[in-house]
N, C-alpha and C. Protein backbone atom coordinates (compact mmCIF):
# COMPACT_ATOMS: atom_id res chain seq x y z
N MET A 1 87.64 49.88 122.47
CA MET A 1 88.00 49.85 123.90
C MET A 1 87.89 48.44 124.48
N ASN A 2 87.61 47.47 123.62
CA ASN A 2 87.45 46.11 124.12
C ASN A 2 88.75 45.52 124.66
N PHE A 3 89.89 46.13 124.29
CA PHE A 3 91.16 45.59 124.76
C PHE A 3 91.45 45.99 126.20
N LEU A 4 90.71 46.93 126.74
CA LEU A 4 90.92 47.36 128.12
C LEU A 4 90.25 46.40 129.09
N PRO A 5 90.83 46.21 130.28
CA PRO A 5 90.20 45.32 131.27
C PRO A 5 88.94 45.95 131.83
N PRO A 6 88.00 45.15 132.33
CA PRO A 6 86.78 45.70 132.93
C PRO A 6 87.10 46.57 134.14
N SER A 7 86.32 47.59 134.32
CA SER A 7 86.49 48.48 135.46
C SER A 7 85.14 48.66 136.15
N TYR A 8 85.13 48.47 137.47
CA TYR A 8 83.89 48.55 138.23
C TYR A 8 83.99 49.68 139.26
N ILE A 9 82.93 50.46 139.36
CA ILE A 9 82.86 51.55 140.33
C ILE A 9 81.65 51.31 141.22
N PRO A 10 81.85 51.20 142.54
CA PRO A 10 80.71 50.96 143.44
C PRO A 10 79.68 52.08 143.35
N CYS A 11 78.42 51.70 143.40
CA CYS A 11 77.33 52.67 143.37
C CYS A 11 77.39 53.53 144.63
N GLU A 12 77.26 54.85 144.46
CA GLU A 12 77.32 55.75 145.60
C GLU A 12 76.09 55.64 146.49
N ALA A 13 74.98 55.20 145.92
CA ALA A 13 73.74 55.12 146.70
C ALA A 13 73.71 53.88 147.59
N CYS A 14 74.09 52.72 147.03
CA CYS A 14 74.01 51.47 147.82
C CYS A 14 75.38 50.95 148.23
N ARG A 15 76.46 51.61 147.75
CA ARG A 15 77.82 51.20 148.07
C ARG A 15 78.10 49.75 147.65
N GLY A 16 77.58 49.37 146.52
CA GLY A 16 77.83 48.05 145.97
C GLY A 16 76.95 46.96 146.52
N LYS A 17 75.98 47.29 147.35
CA LYS A 17 75.10 46.28 147.94
C LYS A 17 73.97 45.86 147.00
N ARG A 18 73.69 46.66 145.96
CA ARG A 18 72.75 46.35 144.89
C ARG A 18 71.28 46.56 145.25
N PHE A 19 70.99 46.89 146.47
CA PHE A 19 69.60 47.04 146.89
C PHE A 19 69.40 48.37 147.62
N ASN A 20 68.12 48.81 147.65
CA ASN A 20 67.83 50.07 148.33
C ASN A 20 67.84 49.87 149.85
N PRO A 21 67.88 50.95 150.63
CA PRO A 21 67.98 50.84 152.09
C PRO A 21 66.84 50.04 152.71
N GLN A 22 65.63 50.14 152.15
CA GLN A 22 64.49 49.42 152.71
C GLN A 22 64.71 47.89 152.62
N THR A 23 65.24 47.46 151.50
CA THR A 23 65.50 46.03 151.33
C THR A 23 66.65 45.58 152.22
N LEU A 24 67.70 46.38 152.30
CA LEU A 24 68.87 46.02 153.11
C LEU A 24 68.55 46.03 154.60
N ALA A 25 67.47 46.71 154.98
CA ALA A 25 67.09 46.75 156.40
C ALA A 25 66.54 45.40 156.88
N VAL A 26 66.08 44.58 155.94
CA VAL A 26 65.57 43.25 156.30
C VAL A 26 66.76 42.30 156.45
N GLN A 27 66.86 41.65 157.59
CA GLN A 27 68.00 40.79 157.86
C GLN A 27 67.57 39.39 158.28
N TYR A 28 68.43 38.43 157.99
CA TYR A 28 68.24 37.06 158.44
C TYR A 28 69.48 36.64 159.21
N ASN A 29 69.32 36.34 160.46
CA ASN A 29 70.45 36.00 161.34
C ASN A 29 71.56 37.04 161.27
N GLY A 30 71.13 38.29 161.23
CA GLY A 30 72.09 39.39 161.29
C GLY A 30 72.69 39.79 159.96
N LYS A 31 72.24 39.22 158.86
CA LYS A 31 72.80 39.55 157.56
C LYS A 31 71.70 39.96 156.59
N SER A 32 71.97 41.02 155.85
CA SER A 32 71.05 41.46 154.81
C SER A 32 71.34 40.70 153.53
N ILE A 33 70.49 40.88 152.50
CA ILE A 33 70.72 40.23 151.22
C ILE A 33 72.04 40.67 150.61
N GLY A 34 72.41 41.92 150.85
CA GLY A 34 73.70 42.42 150.36
C GLY A 34 74.87 41.71 151.01
N ASP A 35 74.76 41.47 152.32
CA ASP A 35 75.81 40.75 153.04
C ASP A 35 75.92 39.31 152.55
N LEU A 36 74.77 38.68 152.29
CA LEU A 36 74.77 37.29 151.86
C LEU A 36 75.44 37.13 150.50
N LEU A 37 75.20 38.09 149.61
CA LEU A 37 75.79 37.99 148.28
C LEU A 37 77.31 38.15 148.30
N GLU A 38 77.85 38.68 149.38
CA GLU A 38 79.29 38.83 149.52
C GLU A 38 79.95 37.59 150.11
N LEU A 39 79.16 36.64 150.59
CA LEU A 39 79.70 35.40 151.14
C LEU A 39 80.18 34.50 150.02
N THR A 40 81.20 33.70 150.31
CA THR A 40 81.56 32.64 149.37
C THR A 40 80.52 31.53 149.50
N ILE A 41 80.48 30.67 148.50
CA ILE A 41 79.51 29.57 148.53
C ILE A 41 79.76 28.66 149.72
N GLU A 42 81.02 28.44 150.05
CA GLU A 42 81.35 27.60 151.21
C GLU A 42 80.86 28.24 152.50
N GLU A 43 81.05 29.57 152.65
CA GLU A 43 80.56 30.27 153.83
C GLU A 43 79.03 30.26 153.89
N ALA A 44 78.41 30.40 152.72
CA ALA A 44 76.94 30.40 152.67
C ALA A 44 76.38 29.03 153.03
N ALA A 45 77.06 27.96 152.61
CA ALA A 45 76.60 26.61 152.94
C ALA A 45 76.58 26.39 154.44
N GLU A 46 77.59 26.92 155.11
CA GLU A 46 77.63 26.81 156.58
C GLU A 46 76.58 27.71 157.21
N PHE A 47 76.38 28.90 156.64
CA PHE A 47 75.42 29.85 157.20
C PHE A 47 73.99 29.30 157.12
N PHE A 48 73.68 28.60 156.02
CA PHE A 48 72.33 28.06 155.82
C PHE A 48 72.24 26.57 156.17
N SER A 49 73.10 26.11 157.05
CA SER A 49 73.10 24.69 157.41
C SER A 49 71.79 24.25 158.05
N SER A 50 71.04 25.18 158.62
CA SER A 50 69.75 24.83 159.24
C SER A 50 68.59 24.88 158.25
N GLN A 51 68.88 25.23 157.00
CA GLN A 51 67.86 25.29 155.96
C GLN A 51 68.17 24.24 154.89
N PRO A 52 67.64 23.02 155.03
CA PRO A 52 68.03 21.90 154.17
C PRO A 52 67.92 22.18 152.67
N ARG A 53 66.83 22.83 152.24
CA ARG A 53 66.64 23.04 150.80
C ARG A 53 67.72 23.96 150.23
N ILE A 54 68.10 24.97 150.99
CA ILE A 54 69.16 25.88 150.53
C ILE A 54 70.52 25.23 150.69
N HIS A 55 70.72 24.59 151.82
CA HIS A 55 72.03 24.00 152.13
C HIS A 55 72.41 22.92 151.12
N LYS A 56 71.45 22.11 150.68
CA LYS A 56 71.75 21.02 149.76
C LYS A 56 72.34 21.54 148.45
N ALA A 57 71.74 22.59 147.90
CA ALA A 57 72.24 23.14 146.64
C ALA A 57 73.63 23.74 146.82
N LEU A 58 73.83 24.46 147.92
CA LEU A 58 75.13 25.07 148.18
C LEU A 58 76.20 24.01 148.43
N GLU A 59 75.82 22.94 149.12
CA GLU A 59 76.78 21.87 149.42
C GLU A 59 77.21 21.16 148.14
N LEU A 60 76.29 21.02 147.18
CA LEU A 60 76.65 20.43 145.90
C LEU A 60 77.67 21.29 145.17
N LEU A 61 77.51 22.60 145.27
CA LEU A 61 78.48 23.52 144.65
C LEU A 61 79.85 23.38 145.31
N VAL A 62 79.86 23.23 146.62
CA VAL A 62 81.12 23.03 147.34
C VAL A 62 81.78 21.73 146.90
N GLN A 63 80.98 20.70 146.73
CA GLN A 63 81.50 19.38 146.35
C GLN A 63 82.09 19.37 144.95
N THR A 64 81.69 20.29 144.10
CA THR A 64 82.25 20.38 142.75
C THR A 64 83.43 21.34 142.68
N GLY A 65 83.88 21.81 143.84
CA GLY A 65 85.05 22.69 143.87
C GLY A 65 84.75 24.14 143.60
N LEU A 66 83.51 24.57 143.79
CA LEU A 66 83.13 25.96 143.54
C LEU A 66 82.91 26.75 144.82
N GLY A 67 83.38 26.22 145.93
CA GLY A 67 83.13 26.87 147.21
C GLY A 67 83.77 28.24 147.35
N TYR A 68 84.76 28.54 146.51
CA TYR A 68 85.46 29.82 146.59
C TYR A 68 84.71 30.97 145.91
N LEU A 69 83.72 30.65 145.06
CA LEU A 69 82.98 31.70 144.36
C LEU A 69 82.07 32.46 145.32
N GLN A 70 81.86 33.73 145.03
CA GLN A 70 80.90 34.51 145.80
C GLN A 70 79.49 34.24 145.30
N LEU A 71 78.52 34.29 146.20
CA LEU A 71 77.14 34.09 145.79
C LEU A 71 76.71 35.12 144.76
N GLY A 72 77.17 36.33 144.93
CA GLY A 72 76.75 37.40 144.02
C GLY A 72 77.71 37.66 142.88
N GLN A 73 78.59 36.73 142.59
CA GLN A 73 79.56 36.94 141.52
C GLN A 73 78.87 36.99 140.16
N PRO A 74 79.13 38.01 139.36
CA PRO A 74 78.49 38.12 138.04
C PRO A 74 78.85 36.93 137.16
N SER A 75 77.87 36.41 136.45
CA SER A 75 78.10 35.23 135.62
C SER A 75 79.12 35.46 134.49
N PRO A 76 79.24 36.69 133.90
CA PRO A 76 80.25 36.87 132.85
C PRO A 76 81.68 36.70 133.35
N THR A 77 81.90 36.74 134.66
CA THR A 77 83.26 36.61 135.19
C THR A 77 83.64 35.16 135.44
N LEU A 78 82.72 34.22 135.20
CA LEU A 78 83.02 32.81 135.42
C LEU A 78 83.81 32.24 134.25
N SER A 79 84.72 31.33 134.54
CA SER A 79 85.46 30.65 133.48
C SER A 79 84.56 29.59 132.86
N GLY A 80 85.02 29.04 131.73
CA GLY A 80 84.23 28.00 131.08
C GLY A 80 84.05 26.78 131.96
N GLY A 81 85.13 26.39 132.67
CA GLY A 81 85.05 25.25 133.57
C GLY A 81 84.09 25.48 134.72
N GLU A 82 84.10 26.70 135.26
CA GLU A 82 83.20 27.03 136.37
C GLU A 82 81.74 26.99 135.91
N ALA A 83 81.49 27.52 134.71
CA ALA A 83 80.13 27.52 134.18
C ALA A 83 79.64 26.09 133.95
N GLN A 84 80.51 25.21 133.47
CA GLN A 84 80.13 23.82 133.25
C GLN A 84 79.80 23.13 134.56
N ARG A 85 80.58 23.43 135.60
CA ARG A 85 80.32 22.79 136.89
C ARG A 85 79.03 23.31 137.52
N LEU A 86 78.71 24.57 137.29
CA LEU A 86 77.43 25.08 137.76
C LEU A 86 76.28 24.34 137.08
N LYS A 87 76.44 24.07 135.80
CA LYS A 87 75.42 23.32 135.08
C LYS A 87 75.31 21.90 135.61
N LEU A 88 76.44 21.30 135.95
CA LEU A 88 76.43 19.96 136.53
C LEU A 88 75.65 19.92 137.83
N VAL A 89 75.87 20.92 138.68
CA VAL A 89 75.15 20.98 139.96
C VAL A 89 73.66 21.13 139.72
N SER A 90 73.29 21.95 138.74
CA SER A 90 71.88 22.11 138.41
C SER A 90 71.26 20.79 137.98
N GLU A 91 72.01 20.03 137.17
CA GLU A 91 71.52 18.73 136.72
C GLU A 91 71.42 17.74 137.87
N LEU A 92 72.40 17.77 138.76
CA LEU A 92 72.37 16.88 139.91
C LEU A 92 71.16 17.17 140.79
N LYS A 93 70.92 18.45 141.02
CA LYS A 93 69.84 18.84 141.93
C LYS A 93 68.47 18.50 141.37
N THR A 94 68.28 18.73 140.08
CA THR A 94 66.97 18.50 139.48
C THR A 94 66.83 17.11 138.88
N GLY A 95 67.90 16.66 138.17
CA GLY A 95 67.83 15.38 137.50
C GLY A 95 67.76 14.20 138.45
N VAL A 96 68.59 14.22 139.49
CA VAL A 96 68.58 13.12 140.44
C VAL A 96 67.26 13.04 141.18
N ALA A 97 66.75 14.21 141.58
CA ALA A 97 65.47 14.23 142.28
C ALA A 97 64.35 13.72 141.37
N ARG A 98 64.41 14.11 140.08
CA ARG A 98 63.40 13.65 139.13
C ARG A 98 63.47 12.14 138.95
N GLY A 99 64.70 11.61 138.92
CA GLY A 99 64.86 10.17 138.76
C GLY A 99 64.29 9.40 139.94
N ILE A 100 64.53 9.91 141.14
CA ILE A 100 63.99 9.25 142.33
C ILE A 100 62.47 9.28 142.31
N THR A 101 61.89 10.41 141.90
CA THR A 101 60.43 10.53 141.83
C THR A 101 59.85 9.55 140.83
N ASP A 102 60.50 9.41 139.67
CA ASP A 102 60.00 8.48 138.66
C ASP A 102 60.03 7.04 139.16
N ARG A 103 61.09 6.71 139.89
CA ARG A 103 61.21 5.34 140.38
C ARG A 103 60.16 5.04 141.45
N LEU A 104 59.96 6.00 142.35
CA LEU A 104 59.07 5.76 143.49
C LEU A 104 57.59 5.89 143.12
N ARG A 105 57.25 6.93 142.39
CA ARG A 105 55.84 7.22 142.13
C ARG A 105 55.33 6.56 140.86
N LYS A 106 56.15 6.53 139.82
CA LYS A 106 55.68 6.03 138.53
C LYS A 106 56.16 4.62 138.23
N ASN A 107 57.07 4.14 139.07
CA ASN A 107 57.60 2.78 138.91
C ASN A 107 58.20 2.58 137.51
N ILE A 108 58.92 3.59 137.04
CA ILE A 108 59.57 3.50 135.73
C ILE A 108 61.03 3.88 135.86
N THR A 109 61.82 3.43 134.92
CA THR A 109 63.23 3.80 134.88
C THR A 109 63.38 5.16 134.21
N PRO A 110 63.96 6.14 134.89
CA PRO A 110 64.08 7.48 134.29
C PRO A 110 64.97 7.47 133.06
N LYS A 111 64.72 8.39 132.14
CA LYS A 111 65.51 8.49 130.92
C LYS A 111 66.93 8.96 131.28
N SER A 112 67.89 8.43 130.54
CA SER A 112 69.27 8.82 130.76
C SER A 112 69.61 10.04 129.91
N THR A 113 70.67 10.75 130.32
CA THR A 113 71.09 11.98 129.64
C THR A 113 72.55 11.84 129.24
N LEU A 114 72.90 12.39 128.08
CA LEU A 114 74.28 12.43 127.62
C LEU A 114 74.87 13.79 127.97
N TYR A 115 75.95 13.80 128.74
CA TYR A 115 76.63 15.04 129.12
C TYR A 115 77.96 15.13 128.38
N LEU A 116 78.18 16.24 127.68
CA LEU A 116 79.41 16.48 126.95
C LEU A 116 80.12 17.69 127.57
N LEU A 117 81.29 17.47 128.15
CA LEU A 117 82.02 18.51 128.87
C LEU A 117 83.37 18.74 128.22
N GLU A 118 83.79 20.00 128.16
CA GLU A 118 85.09 20.33 127.59
C GLU A 118 86.00 20.90 128.67
N GLU A 119 86.99 20.13 129.05
CA GLU A 119 88.01 20.51 130.01
C GLU A 119 87.43 21.19 131.26
N PRO A 120 86.57 20.51 132.00
CA PRO A 120 85.98 21.10 133.20
C PRO A 120 86.97 21.27 134.35
N THR A 121 88.18 20.71 134.22
CA THR A 121 89.16 20.80 135.31
C THR A 121 90.02 22.05 135.23
N ILE A 122 89.84 22.88 134.20
CA ILE A 122 90.68 24.07 134.05
C ILE A 122 90.58 24.95 135.29
N GLY A 123 91.74 25.29 135.85
CA GLY A 123 91.78 26.18 137.01
C GLY A 123 91.53 25.49 138.33
N LEU A 124 91.34 24.18 138.32
CA LEU A 124 91.01 23.47 139.55
C LEU A 124 92.27 22.98 140.26
N HIS A 125 92.23 23.07 141.60
CA HIS A 125 93.26 22.46 142.43
C HIS A 125 93.08 20.94 142.35
N MET A 126 94.13 20.20 142.63
CA MET A 126 94.06 18.74 142.55
C MET A 126 92.96 18.17 143.45
N ALA A 127 92.81 18.76 144.64
CA ALA A 127 91.77 18.28 145.55
C ALA A 127 90.39 18.51 144.97
N ASP A 128 90.22 19.63 144.24
CA ASP A 128 88.92 19.92 143.63
C ASP A 128 88.65 19.02 142.44
N VAL A 129 89.71 18.57 141.76
CA VAL A 129 89.54 17.62 140.67
C VAL A 129 88.94 16.33 141.20
N GLU A 130 89.39 15.91 142.37
CA GLU A 130 88.83 14.71 143.00
C GLU A 130 87.33 14.89 143.25
N LEU A 131 86.95 16.06 143.70
CA LEU A 131 85.53 16.33 143.96
C LEU A 131 84.74 16.28 142.66
N LEU A 132 85.30 16.85 141.60
CA LEU A 132 84.62 16.85 140.30
C LEU A 132 84.43 15.42 139.79
N ILE A 133 85.45 14.58 139.96
CA ILE A 133 85.35 13.20 139.52
C ILE A 133 84.21 12.49 140.24
N GLU A 134 84.07 12.74 141.52
CA GLU A 134 82.97 12.12 142.27
C GLU A 134 81.61 12.57 141.74
N VAL A 135 81.51 13.83 141.35
CA VAL A 135 80.26 14.33 140.78
C VAL A 135 79.95 13.63 139.46
N LEU A 136 80.98 13.45 138.62
CA LEU A 136 80.79 12.75 137.36
C LEU A 136 80.33 11.32 137.59
N HIS A 137 80.90 10.67 138.60
CA HIS A 137 80.49 9.31 138.92
C HIS A 137 79.04 9.28 139.41
N ARG A 138 78.62 10.30 140.13
CA ARG A 138 77.23 10.35 140.59
C ARG A 138 76.28 10.42 139.41
N LEU A 139 76.66 11.20 138.40
CA LEU A 139 75.82 11.27 137.20
C LEU A 139 75.75 9.92 136.51
N VAL A 140 76.89 9.23 136.43
CA VAL A 140 76.93 7.93 135.79
C VAL A 140 76.13 6.90 136.59
N ASP A 141 76.25 6.97 137.90
CA ASP A 141 75.52 6.03 138.76
C ASP A 141 74.01 6.17 138.61
N GLU A 142 73.57 7.33 138.14
CA GLU A 142 72.14 7.55 137.91
C GLU A 142 71.70 7.05 136.53
N GLY A 143 72.62 6.42 135.80
CA GLY A 143 72.27 5.86 134.50
C GLY A 143 72.58 6.77 133.33
N ASN A 144 73.29 7.88 133.57
CA ASN A 144 73.63 8.80 132.50
C ASN A 144 74.98 8.45 131.88
N THR A 145 75.29 9.09 130.75
CA THR A 145 76.58 8.91 130.08
C THR A 145 77.31 10.24 130.07
N VAL A 146 78.60 10.20 130.39
CA VAL A 146 79.42 11.42 130.46
C VAL A 146 80.59 11.29 129.50
N ILE A 147 80.69 12.23 128.57
CA ILE A 147 81.83 12.30 127.65
C ILE A 147 82.59 13.59 127.95
N VAL A 148 83.90 13.45 128.19
CA VAL A 148 84.70 14.60 128.60
C VAL A 148 85.89 14.76 127.67
N ILE A 149 86.09 15.96 127.15
CA ILE A 149 87.31 16.30 126.40
C ILE A 149 88.28 16.84 127.43
N GLU A 150 89.34 16.10 127.70
CA GLU A 150 90.15 16.43 128.86
C GLU A 150 91.59 15.96 128.68
N HIS A 151 92.53 16.70 129.30
CA HIS A 151 93.93 16.33 129.32
C HIS A 151 94.39 15.92 130.72
N ASN A 152 93.56 16.16 131.71
CA ASN A 152 93.92 15.84 133.09
C ASN A 152 94.02 14.33 133.28
N LEU A 153 95.18 13.85 133.73
CA LEU A 153 95.42 12.41 133.84
C LEU A 153 94.55 11.76 134.91
N ASP A 154 94.23 12.51 135.95
CA ASP A 154 93.36 11.95 137.00
C ASP A 154 91.99 11.61 136.43
N VAL A 155 91.47 12.48 135.58
CA VAL A 155 90.15 12.25 134.99
C VAL A 155 90.22 11.11 133.97
N ILE A 156 91.29 11.09 133.16
CA ILE A 156 91.44 10.04 132.16
C ILE A 156 91.52 8.67 132.83
N ALA A 157 92.17 8.63 133.99
CA ALA A 157 92.33 7.36 134.70
C ALA A 157 91.00 6.79 135.17
N GLU A 158 89.98 7.64 135.28
CA GLU A 158 88.68 7.19 135.76
C GLU A 158 87.76 6.75 134.63
N ALA A 159 88.24 6.85 133.39
CA ALA A 159 87.37 6.61 132.24
C ALA A 159 87.13 5.13 132.01
N ASP A 160 86.02 4.86 131.36
CA ASP A 160 85.72 3.50 130.91
C ASP A 160 86.32 3.27 129.53
N TYR A 161 86.41 4.33 128.74
CA TYR A 161 86.89 4.23 127.36
C TYR A 161 87.55 5.54 126.98
N VAL A 162 88.70 5.46 126.32
CA VAL A 162 89.48 6.65 125.97
C VAL A 162 89.73 6.68 124.47
N LEU A 163 89.53 7.86 123.87
CA LEU A 163 89.96 8.12 122.49
C LEU A 163 91.16 9.05 122.56
N ASP A 164 92.31 8.54 122.17
CA ASP A 164 93.54 9.34 122.18
C ASP A 164 93.72 9.92 120.78
N ILE A 165 93.51 11.23 120.66
CA ILE A 165 93.59 11.89 119.36
C ILE A 165 94.92 12.63 119.25
N GLY A 166 95.59 12.47 118.13
CA GLY A 166 96.91 13.08 117.97
C GLY A 166 97.52 12.71 116.63
N PRO A 167 98.81 12.39 116.55
CA PRO A 167 99.70 12.27 117.72
C PRO A 167 100.21 13.60 118.26
N GLU A 168 100.15 14.66 117.44
CA GLU A 168 100.59 15.98 117.90
C GLU A 168 99.41 16.93 117.87
N ALA A 169 99.70 18.22 118.10
CA ALA A 169 98.66 19.24 118.06
C ALA A 169 98.58 19.86 116.67
N GLY A 170 97.50 20.58 116.41
CA GLY A 170 97.34 21.33 115.16
C GLY A 170 97.30 20.43 113.95
N GLU A 171 98.04 20.83 112.90
CA GLU A 171 98.03 20.10 111.64
C GLU A 171 98.65 18.71 111.77
N ALA A 172 99.47 18.52 112.79
CA ALA A 172 100.12 17.22 112.99
C ALA A 172 99.26 16.26 113.79
N GLY A 173 98.03 16.66 114.09
CA GLY A 173 97.15 15.82 114.88
C GLY A 173 95.84 15.56 114.16
N GLY A 174 94.80 15.30 114.96
CA GLY A 174 93.48 15.09 114.40
C GLY A 174 93.15 13.66 114.05
N GLU A 175 94.05 12.73 114.34
CA GLU A 175 93.81 11.32 114.04
C GLU A 175 93.65 10.53 115.34
N VAL A 176 92.85 9.49 115.27
CA VAL A 176 92.69 8.61 116.43
C VAL A 176 93.91 7.70 116.49
N VAL A 177 94.77 7.93 117.48
CA VAL A 177 95.99 7.15 117.65
C VAL A 177 95.66 5.78 118.21
N VAL A 178 94.83 5.76 119.23
CA VAL A 178 94.44 4.51 119.87
C VAL A 178 93.15 4.74 120.61
N ALA A 179 92.35 3.70 120.73
CA ALA A 179 91.09 3.79 121.46
C ALA A 179 90.90 2.52 122.27
N GLY A 180 90.38 2.70 123.48
CA GLY A 180 90.13 1.54 124.32
C GLY A 180 90.16 1.91 125.78
N PRO A 181 90.10 0.93 126.66
CA PRO A 181 90.17 1.18 128.10
C PRO A 181 91.53 1.77 128.47
N PRO A 182 91.61 2.49 129.58
CA PRO A 182 92.88 3.11 129.98
C PRO A 182 94.03 2.11 130.11
N GLU A 183 93.72 0.87 130.51
CA GLU A 183 94.79 -0.12 130.64
C GLU A 183 95.45 -0.42 129.30
N GLU A 184 94.65 -0.43 128.22
CA GLU A 184 95.20 -0.67 126.89
C GLU A 184 95.94 0.56 126.38
N ILE A 185 95.41 1.74 126.66
CA ILE A 185 96.06 2.98 126.24
C ILE A 185 97.46 3.06 126.84
N ALA A 186 97.60 2.67 128.10
CA ALA A 186 98.87 2.77 128.81
C ALA A 186 99.95 1.89 128.19
N GLN A 187 99.56 0.86 127.42
CA GLN A 187 100.53 -0.05 126.82
C GLN A 187 100.87 0.30 125.38
N HIS A 188 100.21 1.34 124.84
CA HIS A 188 100.41 1.68 123.43
C HIS A 188 101.65 2.56 123.27
N GLN A 189 102.54 2.19 122.35
CA GLN A 189 103.82 2.89 122.21
C GLN A 189 103.68 4.28 121.61
N ASP A 190 102.71 4.49 120.72
CA ASP A 190 102.59 5.77 120.03
C ASP A 190 101.67 6.76 120.75
N SER A 191 101.05 6.34 121.81
CA SER A 191 100.08 7.19 122.49
C SER A 191 100.77 8.18 123.43
N ARG A 192 100.34 9.44 123.36
CA ARG A 192 100.85 10.45 124.29
C ARG A 192 100.26 10.25 125.69
N THR A 193 99.22 9.44 125.77
CA THR A 193 98.58 9.17 127.05
C THR A 193 99.11 7.88 127.66
N ALA A 194 100.03 7.20 126.97
CA ALA A 194 100.54 5.91 127.41
C ALA A 194 101.14 5.92 128.82
N PRO A 195 101.81 7.01 129.24
CA PRO A 195 102.38 6.99 130.60
C PRO A 195 101.34 6.87 131.71
N VAL A 196 100.07 7.03 131.38
CA VAL A 196 99.04 6.95 132.40
C VAL A 196 98.93 5.51 132.91
N SER A 197 98.83 5.37 134.20
CA SER A 197 98.62 4.06 134.81
C SER A 197 97.84 4.24 136.10
N PRO A 198 97.20 3.20 136.63
CA PRO A 198 96.44 3.33 137.87
C PRO A 198 97.27 3.87 139.03
N GLU A 199 98.59 3.61 138.99
CA GLU A 199 99.42 4.05 140.10
C GLU A 199 99.84 5.50 139.98
N ASN A 200 100.26 5.93 138.74
CA ASN A 200 100.81 7.27 138.62
C ASN A 200 99.81 8.30 138.15
N ALA A 201 98.61 7.89 137.73
CA ALA A 201 97.64 8.86 137.22
C ALA A 201 97.03 9.66 138.33
N SER A 202 96.66 9.01 139.44
CA SER A 202 96.00 9.72 140.52
C SER A 202 96.81 9.72 141.79
N GLY A 203 97.93 8.99 141.80
CA GLY A 203 98.77 9.01 142.97
C GLY A 203 98.21 8.20 144.13
N ARG A 204 97.27 7.31 143.85
CA ARG A 204 96.72 6.50 144.92
C ARG A 204 96.36 5.13 144.36
N LYS A 205 96.43 4.13 145.17
CA LYS A 205 96.06 2.79 144.75
C LYS A 205 94.55 2.65 144.74
N GLY A 206 94.10 1.72 143.91
CA GLY A 206 92.66 1.46 143.89
C GLY A 206 91.87 2.45 143.07
N SER A 207 92.51 3.14 142.13
CA SER A 207 91.79 4.08 141.29
C SER A 207 90.74 3.35 140.48
N ALA A 208 89.60 4.00 140.29
CA ALA A 208 88.47 3.34 139.62
C ALA A 208 88.61 3.45 138.11
N TRP A 209 89.47 2.64 137.53
CA TRP A 209 89.58 2.60 136.08
C TRP A 209 88.36 1.85 135.55
N GLY A 210 87.63 2.47 134.65
CA GLY A 210 86.53 1.75 134.03
C GLY A 210 85.20 1.93 134.74
N ARG A 211 84.97 3.10 135.34
CA ARG A 211 83.64 3.34 135.88
C ARG A 211 82.67 3.49 134.72
N SER A 212 81.59 2.76 134.71
CA SER A 212 80.69 2.66 133.56
C SER A 212 80.15 4.01 133.14
N GLY A 213 80.17 4.26 131.84
CA GLY A 213 79.52 5.42 131.29
C GLY A 213 80.37 6.66 131.15
N VAL A 214 81.60 6.66 131.68
CA VAL A 214 82.43 7.84 131.57
C VAL A 214 83.37 7.64 130.39
N GLY A 215 83.21 8.46 129.35
CA GLY A 215 84.08 8.39 128.21
C GLY A 215 84.91 9.65 128.14
N LEU A 216 86.17 9.54 127.71
CA LEU A 216 87.05 10.70 127.67
C LEU A 216 87.75 10.79 126.34
N THR A 217 87.91 12.02 125.86
CA THR A 217 88.70 12.25 124.66
C THR A 217 89.92 13.05 125.06
N ALA A 218 91.08 12.49 124.89
CA ALA A 218 92.31 13.19 125.31
C ALA A 218 92.98 13.84 124.11
């Protein structure tokens, strides 16, 4: 029966709220825990704007393009790209704070982390891709290294170093066609990524080609 799509039936006792009546009777600003779980992350960020600790985490999720997800959305329904971005937000929230603490209290340089992501832009609107790129830059600015397996030209344009693997897919690929900064890749005749340029990759002037620490495999 694995070929059939998932089917969900609301619970007759709680009507899909997941909690008993006693718990649902407790409300915060007119909403129960069941109501809150039905909010999107973007709606929840606005709802908890007066609660800095909660708002900060939710705002990071919005900034990575996950504002459309429901707070109570089951994790098995998330795509691979969504799950990776959730992990990024977790790292930003804990890792950045840890780095600041190490610098201020211990007077030491925090250890850097290597992040390996596989096509995190899948399913993202172009505007959300921009948000994701900013998050990747924040990780790099903290002294970390980011390696991304990606086909999105906007992301490739932001790389410091590109490995163009090909020249084709499947058995006709698997070889390093060219490697180097995006400016060199754009001049290579055999590269499938050659059409990329600062002007046409992101559609805006002043694209940050060569932000330190961001490596991409196309």
